[in-house]
Amino acid sequence: MNMKHVDGEKKNDLVLYALSTCGWCKKTKAFLNDLRVGYDYVNVDELASEEREQAIAGLQRWNPKCSFPSLVVNSDRCVVGYDEKKIREALGL
């Protein structure tokens, strides 16, 4: 799966499953950028069929409903939706 990386001052193990057309996904990316947090992301809707299936399978482990955005934090927690408070808590900020 073709993940894109955004560098940040703060190193975290973050994976954001997003849609390119989703306003809440864009807000989540902007919030992470404002926090200066590094993360990987994938816009699931931009993937070819086989890669899309892989991304959805990965997402379903964390969020069976496959809603967007879904932010996997340190491979042990998932924040579903745009929720600044929950994202801060998950990042320990």
N, C-alpha and C. Protein backbone atom coordinates (compact mmCIF):
# COMPACT_ATOMS: atom_id res chain seq x y z
N MET A 1 0.85 -1.18 0.00
CA MET A 1 0.00 0.00 0.00
C MET A 1 0.89 1.24 0.00
N ASN A 2 0.53 2.21 -0.77
CA ASN A 2 1.35 3.39 -0.96
C ASN A 2 0.98 4.48 0.06
N MET A 3 1.68 4.46 1.20
CA MET A 3 1.49 5.48 2.24
C MET A 3 2.33 6.70 1.89
N LYS A 4 1.80 7.86 2.24
CA LYS A 4 2.56 9.10 2.10
C LYS A 4 3.01 9.51 3.49
N HIS A 5 4.15 10.18 3.58
CA HIS A 5 4.68 10.57 4.88
C HIS A 5 4.73 12.09 5.00
N VAL A 6 4.38 12.57 6.19
CA VAL A 6 4.51 13.98 6.53
C VAL A 6 5.47 14.06 7.71
N ASP A 7 6.58 14.78 7.53
CA ASP A 7 7.56 14.94 8.61
C ASP A 7 7.02 15.87 9.69
N GLY A 8 7.47 15.63 10.89
CA GLY A 8 7.10 16.50 11.99
C GLY A 8 8.20 16.52 13.02
N GLU A 9 8.15 17.52 13.90
CA GLU A 9 9.14 17.63 14.96
C GLU A 9 8.95 16.52 15.99
N LYS A 10 7.71 16.16 16.22
CA LYS A 10 7.41 15.13 17.20
C LYS A 10 7.27 13.80 16.48
N LYS A 11 8.01 12.82 16.94
CA LYS A 11 8.00 11.51 16.31
C LYS A 11 6.95 10.62 16.97
N ASN A 12 6.03 10.15 16.20
CA ASN A 12 4.99 9.24 16.66
C ASN A 12 4.78 8.20 15.59
N ASP A 13 4.18 7.12 15.99
CA ASP A 13 3.81 6.07 15.04
C ASP A 13 2.33 6.27 14.72
N LEU A 14 2.06 7.09 13.71
CA LEU A 14 0.68 7.44 13.35
C LEU A 14 0.39 7.05 11.92
N VAL A 15 -0.78 6.45 11.72
CA VAL A 15 -1.25 6.15 10.38
C VAL A 15 -2.66 6.68 10.27
N LEU A 16 -2.89 7.55 9.30
CA LEU A 16 -4.19 8.15 9.07
C LEU A 16 -4.81 7.55 7.81
N TYR A 17 -5.97 6.93 7.98
CA TYR A 17 -6.76 6.45 6.85
C TYR A 17 -7.75 7.55 6.53
N ALA A 18 -7.70 8.05 5.29
CA ALA A 18 -8.48 9.22 4.92
C ALA A 18 -9.06 9.07 3.52
N LEU A 19 -9.91 10.03 3.18
CA LEU A 19 -10.45 10.17 1.83
C LEU A 19 -10.05 11.55 1.32
N SER A 20 -9.68 11.64 0.08
CA SER A 20 -9.22 12.92 -0.48
C SER A 20 -10.32 13.97 -0.51
N THR A 21 -11.57 13.55 -0.54
CA THR A 21 -12.69 14.48 -0.65
C THR A 21 -13.37 14.79 0.69
N CYS A 22 -12.84 14.22 1.77
CA CYS A 22 -13.47 14.34 3.09
C CYS A 22 -12.97 15.58 3.82
N GLY A 23 -13.87 16.48 4.15
CA GLY A 23 -13.52 17.69 4.87
C GLY A 23 -12.94 17.40 6.25
N TRP A 24 -13.49 16.39 6.95
CA TRP A 24 -12.99 16.04 8.28
C TRP A 24 -11.59 15.43 8.20
N CYS A 25 -11.32 14.72 7.14
CA CYS A 25 -9.98 14.17 6.92
C CYS A 25 -8.98 15.30 6.71
N LYS A 26 -9.37 16.30 5.93
CA LYS A 26 -8.50 17.45 5.69
C LYS A 26 -8.24 18.21 6.99
N LYS A 27 -9.29 18.34 7.82
CA LYS A 27 -9.12 19.02 9.11
C LYS A 27 -8.18 18.23 10.03
N THR A 28 -8.27 16.90 9.99
CA THR A 28 -7.40 16.07 10.81
C THR A 28 -5.95 16.25 10.37
N LYS A 29 -5.69 16.24 9.07
CA LYS A 29 -4.33 16.45 8.57
C LYS A 29 -3.82 17.83 9.00
N ALA A 30 -4.65 18.85 8.87
CA ALA A 30 -4.24 20.21 9.25
C ALA A 30 -3.95 20.28 10.75
N PHE A 31 -4.76 19.60 11.56
CA PHE A 31 -4.55 19.59 13.01
C PHE A 31 -3.22 18.91 13.35
N LEU A 32 -2.95 17.77 12.74
CA LEU A 32 -1.68 17.08 12.97
C LEU A 32 -0.50 17.96 12.53
N ASN A 33 -0.66 18.65 11.41
CA ASN A 33 0.39 19.56 10.94
C ASN A 33 0.60 20.70 11.93
N ASP A 34 -0.49 21.25 12.46
CA ASP A 34 -0.39 22.33 13.46
C ASP A 34 0.33 21.86 14.72
N LEU A 35 0.11 20.58 15.08
CA LEU A 35 0.78 20.01 16.25
C LEU A 35 2.24 19.65 15.97
N ARG A 36 2.62 19.75 14.69
CA ARG A 36 3.97 19.40 14.23
C ARG A 36 4.31 17.93 14.52
N VAL A 37 3.35 17.09 14.24
CA VAL A 37 3.49 15.67 14.46
C VAL A 37 3.74 14.98 13.13
N GLY A 38 4.71 14.10 13.10
CA GLY A 38 4.96 13.31 11.89
C GLY A 38 3.94 12.19 11.79
N TYR A 39 3.51 11.87 10.58
CA TYR A 39 2.52 10.79 10.39
C TYR A 39 2.58 10.27 8.96
N ASP A 40 2.05 9.08 8.80
CA ASP A 40 1.84 8.49 7.48
C ASP A 40 0.35 8.53 7.21
N TYR A 41 -0.02 8.66 5.94
CA TYR A 41 -1.44 8.65 5.60
C TYR A 41 -1.66 8.02 4.23
N VAL A 42 -2.89 7.60 4.06
CA VAL A 42 -3.29 7.07 2.77
C VAL A 42 -4.70 7.59 2.48
N ASN A 43 -4.88 8.13 1.27
CA ASN A 43 -6.21 8.50 0.80
C ASN A 43 -6.77 7.27 0.09
N VAL A 44 -7.63 6.56 0.80
CA VAL A 44 -8.11 5.26 0.33
C VAL A 44 -8.81 5.38 -1.02
N ASP A 45 -9.53 6.46 -1.25
CA ASP A 45 -10.28 6.62 -2.50
C ASP A 45 -9.38 6.83 -3.71
N GLU A 46 -8.10 7.11 -3.50
CA GLU A 46 -7.18 7.33 -4.61
C GLU A 46 -6.40 6.07 -4.99
N LEU A 47 -6.64 4.98 -4.28
CA LEU A 47 -5.90 3.75 -4.53
C LEU A 47 -6.56 2.92 -5.62
N ALA A 48 -5.74 2.14 -6.34
CA ALA A 48 -6.27 1.17 -7.30
C ALA A 48 -6.95 0.05 -6.53
N SER A 49 -7.73 -0.75 -7.21
CA SER A 49 -8.61 -1.72 -6.55
C SER A 49 -7.90 -2.66 -5.57
N GLU A 50 -6.77 -3.26 -5.96
CA GLU A 50 -6.09 -4.20 -5.07
C GLU A 50 -5.51 -3.49 -3.85
N GLU A 51 -4.89 -2.34 -4.08
CA GLU A 51 -4.36 -1.55 -2.97
C GLU A 51 -5.48 -1.05 -2.06
N ARG A 52 -6.59 -0.66 -2.65
CA ARG A 52 -7.74 -0.19 -1.87
C ARG A 52 -8.25 -1.31 -0.96
N GLU A 53 -8.32 -2.52 -1.48
CA GLU A 53 -8.76 -3.66 -0.67
C GLU A 53 -7.81 -3.89 0.50
N GLN A 54 -6.50 -3.77 0.25
CA GLN A 54 -5.52 -3.92 1.32
C GLN A 54 -5.69 -2.84 2.38
N ALA A 55 -5.90 -1.61 1.95
CA ALA A 55 -6.07 -0.50 2.88
C ALA A 55 -7.33 -0.69 3.72
N ILE A 56 -8.40 -1.09 3.09
CA ILE A 56 -9.66 -1.31 3.82
C ILE A 56 -9.51 -2.45 4.82
N ALA A 57 -8.82 -3.51 4.43
CA ALA A 57 -8.58 -4.62 5.36
C ALA A 57 -7.76 -4.15 6.56
N GLY A 58 -6.76 -3.32 6.32
CA GLY A 58 -5.97 -2.76 7.41
C GLY A 58 -6.80 -1.87 8.31
N LEU A 59 -7.64 -1.06 7.71
CA LEU A 59 -8.51 -0.17 8.48
C LEU A 59 -9.53 -0.95 9.30
N GLN A 60 -10.09 -2.01 8.76
CA GLN A 60 -11.12 -2.78 9.45
C GLN A 60 -10.61 -3.40 10.75
N ARG A 61 -9.31 -3.65 10.86
CA ARG A 61 -8.75 -4.15 12.12
C ARG A 61 -8.94 -3.15 13.24
N TRP A 62 -8.92 -1.87 12.90
CA TRP A 62 -9.04 -0.80 13.90
C TRP A 62 -10.43 -0.21 13.98
N ASN A 63 -11.10 -0.17 12.85
CA ASN A 63 -12.41 0.48 12.78
C ASN A 63 -13.29 -0.36 11.84
N PRO A 64 -14.01 -1.35 12.40
CA PRO A 64 -14.81 -2.25 11.57
C PRO A 64 -15.84 -1.54 10.68
N LYS A 65 -16.26 -0.33 11.06
CA LYS A 65 -17.23 0.42 10.25
C LYS A 65 -16.58 1.11 9.06
N CYS A 66 -15.25 1.16 9.06
CA CYS A 66 -14.49 1.80 7.97
C CYS A 66 -14.93 3.24 7.73
N SER A 67 -15.07 3.99 8.79
CA SER A 67 -15.41 5.40 8.63
C SER A 67 -14.13 6.23 8.62
N PHE A 68 -14.25 7.43 8.08
CA PHE A 68 -13.09 8.29 7.89
C PHE A 68 -13.32 9.63 8.56
N PRO A 69 -12.25 10.23 9.06
CA PRO A 69 -10.89 9.74 9.17
C PRO A 69 -10.75 8.75 10.33
N SER A 70 -9.75 7.88 10.21
CA SER A 70 -9.38 6.95 11.28
C SER A 70 -7.87 7.08 11.48
N LEU A 71 -7.49 7.44 12.70
CA LEU A 71 -6.09 7.67 13.03
C LEU A 71 -5.60 6.59 13.99
N VAL A 72 -4.70 5.74 13.51
CA VAL A 72 -4.12 4.68 14.34
C VAL A 72 -2.88 5.25 15.02
N VAL A 73 -2.88 5.17 16.36
CA VAL A 73 -1.82 5.77 17.17
C VAL A 73 -1.00 4.68 17.84
N ASN A 74 0.29 4.66 17.53
CA ASN A 74 1.24 3.72 18.14
C ASN A 74 0.79 2.26 18.05
N SER A 75 0.09 1.93 17.01
CA SER A 75 -0.37 0.55 16.76
C SER A 75 -1.13 -0.06 17.92
N ASP A 76 -1.75 0.79 18.77
CA ASP A 76 -2.54 0.22 19.86
C ASP A 76 -3.83 0.98 20.15
N ARG A 77 -4.09 2.03 19.38
CA ARG A 77 -5.29 2.84 19.63
C ARG A 77 -5.74 3.47 18.32
N CYS A 78 -7.05 3.64 18.18
CA CYS A 78 -7.58 4.27 16.97
C CYS A 78 -8.56 5.38 17.37
N VAL A 79 -8.33 6.56 16.83
CA VAL A 79 -9.24 7.68 17.02
C VAL A 79 -10.05 7.79 15.74
N VAL A 80 -11.36 7.62 15.87
CA VAL A 80 -12.26 7.66 14.72
C VAL A 80 -12.93 9.03 14.67
N GLY A 81 -12.88 9.65 13.50
CA GLY A 81 -13.49 10.96 13.33
C GLY A 81 -12.53 12.07 13.73
N TYR A 82 -12.97 13.28 13.51
CA TYR A 82 -12.16 14.45 13.86
C TYR A 82 -12.52 14.87 15.28
N ASP A 83 -11.63 14.60 16.22
CA ASP A 83 -11.86 14.91 17.62
C ASP A 83 -10.53 15.37 18.22
N GLU A 84 -10.36 16.69 18.30
CA GLU A 84 -9.09 17.25 18.75
C GLU A 84 -8.72 16.74 20.14
N LYS A 85 -9.68 16.67 21.04
CA LYS A 85 -9.40 16.24 22.41
C LYS A 85 -8.89 14.79 22.43
N LYS A 86 -9.55 13.90 21.71
CA LYS A 86 -9.13 12.50 21.69
C LYS A 86 -7.77 12.33 21.00
N ILE A 87 -7.53 13.13 19.96
CA ILE A 87 -6.23 13.04 19.28
C ILE A 87 -5.12 13.49 20.23
N ARG A 88 -5.34 14.61 20.93
CA ARG A 88 -4.35 15.10 21.90
C ARG A 88 -4.08 14.05 22.98
N GLU A 89 -5.16 13.46 23.50
CA GLU A 89 -5.02 12.44 24.55
C GLU A 89 -4.22 11.24 24.03
N ALA A 90 -4.53 10.79 22.82
CA ALA A 90 -3.85 9.63 22.25
C ALA A 90 -2.37 9.93 22.03
N LEU A 91 -2.04 11.17 21.76
CA LEU A 91 -0.65 11.57 21.53
C LEU A 91 0.07 11.98 22.82
N GLY A 92 -0.67 12.02 23.91
CA GLY A 92 -0.07 12.42 25.18
C GLY A 92 0.25 13.90 25.24
N LEU A 93 -0.55 14.71 24.56
CA LEU A 93 -0.31 16.18 24.54
C LEU A 93 -1.33 16.90 25.40
